[in-house]
Amino acid sequence: KPLTDYLTGKATSWDNGRCGLHVHVGREALGKSAEEQSETLGKLLYLYHHIVKDTEFNTKVFGRSRSYNEHDGKTEVGNAVGLLGGETLLKNKEICKRVGDAMKERSSDNRYFDINLQNVNTIEFRKGKGSLKPERIAMIVEYCLILVGFAKRSPWSGISAMRWRDYVREHAKNVLLKEYIAT
C-alpha cells in the first residue's frame, strides 16, 4: 500500500495502452522437476489459450480483452482436441504430449503472448491492465496463481471449462475476485 500511494499521480500505465500489470510466477511453482514443470506449463497454456482467454470473466479480471502487441497462442492440435472432445482425447498420453509440446513451442519464441515464457526463472502473465489499486493488484496476482494451481493439480483429461469454473469458485479468496465470480 505505501508503494501504490507513492506512485499515485506519478504513474500512468492504466491510461496509455502500451503497458500494464505483469505478474511473474516462479517456475518452481509449476512442479519440482523439469518434467513436472514442462507438463504443467503445457496444461496451463492449453487451459488459458483454448478455454479461458476469450471468456468474459478473464477479460473482467485482467481489465482488458487484448494485451498490447498481443499474439494468438492457440495451436492447430489444441483446436482439434477441443473440437473432437477434449476430456476424452486427453486421456491418451501421446495426445497430451503433442498438445503440450505444441503449446510450449508456439509460445516460446515471442514475449508478446498473454503468458510469456521468455524469462529463465519465471513465467509472466502480461494481460493485466495497469492499476495502482492494491485490491485489484492482489486480485490479478491471485487469479494467476489459481490458473497455475489448476494446471498443476489437474490431469490432462480434467481440463475443461466446467472444472475450471468450479476450481476458481472453490479457491478464490480475494473479495473482488469473488464479486466477479458472482456476476
Protein backbone atom coordinates (compact mmCIF):
# COMPACT_ATOMS: atom_id res chain seq x y z
CA LYS A 1 0.00 0.00 0.00
CA PRO A 2 2.75 2.57 0.69
CA LEU A 3 4.18 1.93 -2.78
CA THR A 4 0.83 2.36 -4.55
CA ASP A 5 0.15 5.52 -2.51
CA TYR A 6 3.57 6.88 -3.51
CA LEU A 7 3.03 6.09 -7.20
CA THR A 8 -0.44 7.64 -7.38
CA GLY A 9 -0.14 10.77 -9.52
CA LYS A 10 3.28 9.72 -10.83
CA ALA A 11 2.42 6.56 -12.83
CA THR A 12 0.05 6.27 -15.79
CA SER A 13 0.25 2.68 -17.03
CA TRP A 14 -3.54 2.20 -16.89
CA ASP A 15 -4.01 5.17 -19.19
CA ASN A 16 -1.53 4.78 -22.03
CA GLY A 17 -2.31 1.39 -23.64
CA ARG A 18 1.35 0.43 -24.03
CA CYS A 19 1.99 -1.30 -20.74
CA GLY A 20 0.18 -2.93 -17.88
CA LEU A 21 0.31 -5.13 -14.84
CA HIS A 22 2.61 -8.11 -15.37
CA VAL A 23 2.70 -10.96 -12.85
CA HIS A 24 5.78 -13.18 -12.66
CA VAL A 25 5.36 -16.67 -11.21
CA GLY A 26 8.48 -18.67 -10.35
CA ARG A 27 8.86 -21.79 -12.47
CA GLU A 28 9.29 -23.84 -9.29
CA ALA A 29 5.56 -23.27 -8.67
CA LEU A 30 4.90 -25.41 -11.77
CA GLY A 31 6.47 -28.52 -10.24
CA LYS A 32 9.51 -29.99 -8.51
CA SER A 33 11.25 -31.48 -11.54
CA ALA A 34 11.83 -30.15 -15.04
CA GLU A 35 9.43 -32.82 -16.31
CA GLU A 36 6.65 -31.73 -13.92
CA GLN A 37 7.22 -28.09 -14.81
CA SER A 38 7.06 -28.87 -18.51
CA GLU A 39 3.79 -30.81 -18.16
CA THR A 40 2.18 -28.12 -16.01
CA LEU A 41 3.26 -25.45 -18.48
CA GLY A 42 1.71 -27.34 -21.40
CA LYS A 43 -1.56 -27.77 -19.48
CA LEU A 44 -1.54 -24.11 -18.40
CA LEU A 45 -1.05 -22.87 -21.94
CA TYR A 46 -3.77 -25.18 -23.29
CA LEU A 47 -6.15 -24.16 -20.49
CA TYR A 48 -5.50 -20.48 -20.98
CA HIS A 49 -5.46 -20.19 -24.77
CA HIS A 50 -8.17 -22.73 -25.62
CA ILE A 51 -10.59 -22.43 -22.67
CA VAL A 52 -10.05 -19.30 -20.55
CA LYS A 53 -8.59 -16.46 -22.63
CA ASP A 54 -11.64 -15.25 -24.55
CA THR A 55 -14.13 -15.55 -21.70
CA GLU A 56 -15.90 -12.51 -20.27
CA PHE A 57 -14.65 -13.50 -16.81
CA ASN A 58 -10.99 -13.48 -17.89
CA THR A 59 -11.45 -10.12 -19.59
CA LYS A 60 -13.10 -8.71 -16.48
CA VAL A 61 -10.35 -9.92 -14.15
CA PHE A 62 -7.44 -8.72 -16.29
CA GLY A 63 -9.24 -5.49 -17.24
CA ARG A 64 -8.76 -5.79 -20.98
CA SER A 65 -9.83 -8.04 -23.81
CA ARG A 66 -6.46 -7.90 -25.57
CA SER A 67 -2.92 -7.33 -24.46
CA TYR A 68 -0.90 -4.69 -26.23
CA ASN A 69 1.01 -6.18 -29.16
CA GLU A 70 -0.76 -9.48 -28.48
CA HIS A 71 -0.14 -12.71 -30.41
CA ASP A 72 -2.56 -15.64 -30.63
CA GLY A 73 -1.40 -18.63 -28.58
CA LYS A 74 -3.84 -21.19 -29.96
CA THR A 75 -2.49 -24.20 -31.85
CA GLU A 76 -4.00 -26.44 -34.52
CA VAL A 77 -3.62 -29.53 -32.34
CA GLY A 78 -5.26 -27.71 -29.41
CA ASN A 79 -8.14 -26.59 -31.65
CA ALA A 80 -8.60 -30.16 -32.91
CA VAL A 81 -8.64 -31.60 -29.40
CA GLY A 82 -11.28 -29.08 -28.36
CA LEU A 83 -13.46 -29.80 -31.39
CA LEU A 84 -13.17 -33.58 -31.08
CA GLY A 85 -13.83 -33.80 -27.35
CA GLY A 86 -11.01 -32.64 -25.11
CA GLU A 87 -11.76 -34.68 -22.00
CA THR A 88 -11.91 -37.96 -23.94
CA LEU A 89 -8.90 -37.31 -26.18
CA LEU A 90 -6.79 -36.01 -23.29
CA LYS A 91 -6.89 -39.44 -21.65
CA ASN A 92 -4.33 -40.51 -24.28
CA LYS A 93 -0.78 -39.74 -23.10
CA GLU A 94 0.58 -39.28 -26.63
CA ILE A 95 -2.10 -36.70 -27.45
CA CYS A 96 -1.36 -34.91 -24.16
CA LYS A 97 2.33 -34.77 -25.06
CA ARG A 98 1.58 -33.45 -28.56
CA VAL A 99 -0.75 -30.76 -27.21
CA GLY A 100 1.73 -29.70 -24.52
CA ASP A 101 4.67 -29.62 -26.92
CA ALA A 102 2.69 -27.62 -29.49
CA MET A 103 1.54 -25.12 -26.86
CA LYS A 104 5.06 -24.60 -25.48
CA GLU A 105 6.64 -24.37 -28.94
CA ARG A 106 4.05 -21.84 -30.09
CA SER A 107 4.50 -19.66 -27.01
CA SER A 108 8.26 -19.87 -26.55
CA ASP A 109 9.51 -17.72 -29.42
CA ASN A 110 7.92 -14.40 -28.53
CA ARG A 111 7.39 -12.50 -25.31
CA TYR A 112 4.20 -10.83 -26.54
CA PHE A 113 1.83 -13.61 -25.57
CA ASP A 114 -0.51 -13.25 -22.61
CA ILE A 115 1.75 -15.80 -20.91
CA ASN A 116 5.38 -15.05 -21.68
CA LEU A 117 7.89 -17.92 -21.47
CA GLN A 118 10.99 -15.90 -22.36
CA ASN A 119 12.20 -15.47 -18.76
CA VAL A 120 14.55 -18.14 -17.41
CA ASN A 121 13.22 -18.35 -13.84
CA THR A 122 9.62 -17.21 -14.24
CA ILE A 123 6.59 -17.31 -16.46
CA GLU A 124 4.98 -13.92 -16.91
CA PHE A 125 1.27 -13.14 -17.20
CA ARG A 126 1.12 -9.97 -19.34
CA LYS A 127 -2.58 -9.26 -19.81
CA GLY A 128 -3.37 -7.23 -16.70
CA LYS A 129 -4.43 -3.63 -17.14
CA GLY A 130 -2.18 -1.32 -15.15
CA SER A 131 -3.51 -0.35 -11.73
CA LEU A 132 -2.41 1.29 -8.53
CA LYS A 133 -5.31 -0.14 -6.53
CA PRO A 134 -3.89 -2.71 -4.08
CA GLU A 135 -7.13 -4.74 -4.16
CA ARG A 136 -7.02 -5.02 -7.96
CA ILE A 137 -3.33 -5.94 -7.99
CA ALA A 138 -3.96 -8.61 -5.33
CA MET A 139 -6.90 -10.00 -7.34
CA ILE A 140 -4.87 -10.35 -10.54
CA VAL A 141 -1.96 -11.99 -8.70
CA GLU A 142 -4.34 -14.46 -7.01
CA TYR A 143 -6.04 -15.22 -10.33
CA CYS A 144 -2.68 -16.01 -11.97
CA LEU A 145 -1.79 -18.33 -9.09
CA ILE A 146 -5.19 -20.04 -9.39
CA LEU A 147 -4.53 -20.63 -13.11
CA VAL A 148 -1.17 -22.22 -12.27
CA GLY A 149 -2.66 -24.26 -9.41
CA PHE A 150 -5.42 -25.67 -11.61
CA ALA A 151 -2.96 -26.67 -14.34
CA LYS A 152 -0.59 -28.24 -11.82
CA ARG A 153 -3.24 -30.24 -9.95
CA SER A 154 -5.43 -31.32 -12.90
CA PRO A 155 -4.74 -34.31 -15.09
CA TRP A 156 -4.89 -33.51 -18.80
CA SER A 157 -8.30 -35.17 -19.03
CA GLY A 158 -9.56 -32.91 -16.21
CA ILE A 159 -9.00 -29.69 -18.10
CA SER A 160 -12.44 -28.40 -19.08
CA ALA A 161 -14.39 -25.17 -18.80
CA MET A 162 -16.72 -26.64 -16.19
CA ARG A 163 -13.94 -27.96 -13.97
CA TRP A 164 -12.06 -24.65 -14.34
CA ARG A 165 -15.13 -22.68 -13.19
CA ASP A 166 -15.58 -24.96 -10.19
CA TYR A 167 -11.89 -24.66 -9.27
CA VAL A 168 -11.92 -20.85 -9.40
CA ARG A 169 -15.06 -20.70 -7.25
CA GLU A 170 -13.51 -23.04 -4.69
CA HIS A 171 -10.08 -21.37 -4.50
CA ALA A 172 -10.83 -17.65 -4.82
CA LYS A 173 -10.19 -15.77 -1.57
CA ASN A 174 -9.91 -12.20 -2.87
CA VAL A 175 -13.12 -10.19 -2.32
CA LEU A 176 -13.02 -8.53 -5.76
CA LEU A 177 -12.40 -11.87 -7.49
CA LYS A 178 -15.34 -13.39 -5.62
CA GLU A 179 -17.51 -10.47 -6.79
CA TYR A 180 -16.54 -11.16 -10.40
CA ILE A 181 -17.34 -14.85 -9.93
CA ALA A 182 -20.77 -13.98 -8.52
CA THR A 183 -21.61 -11.81 -11.52
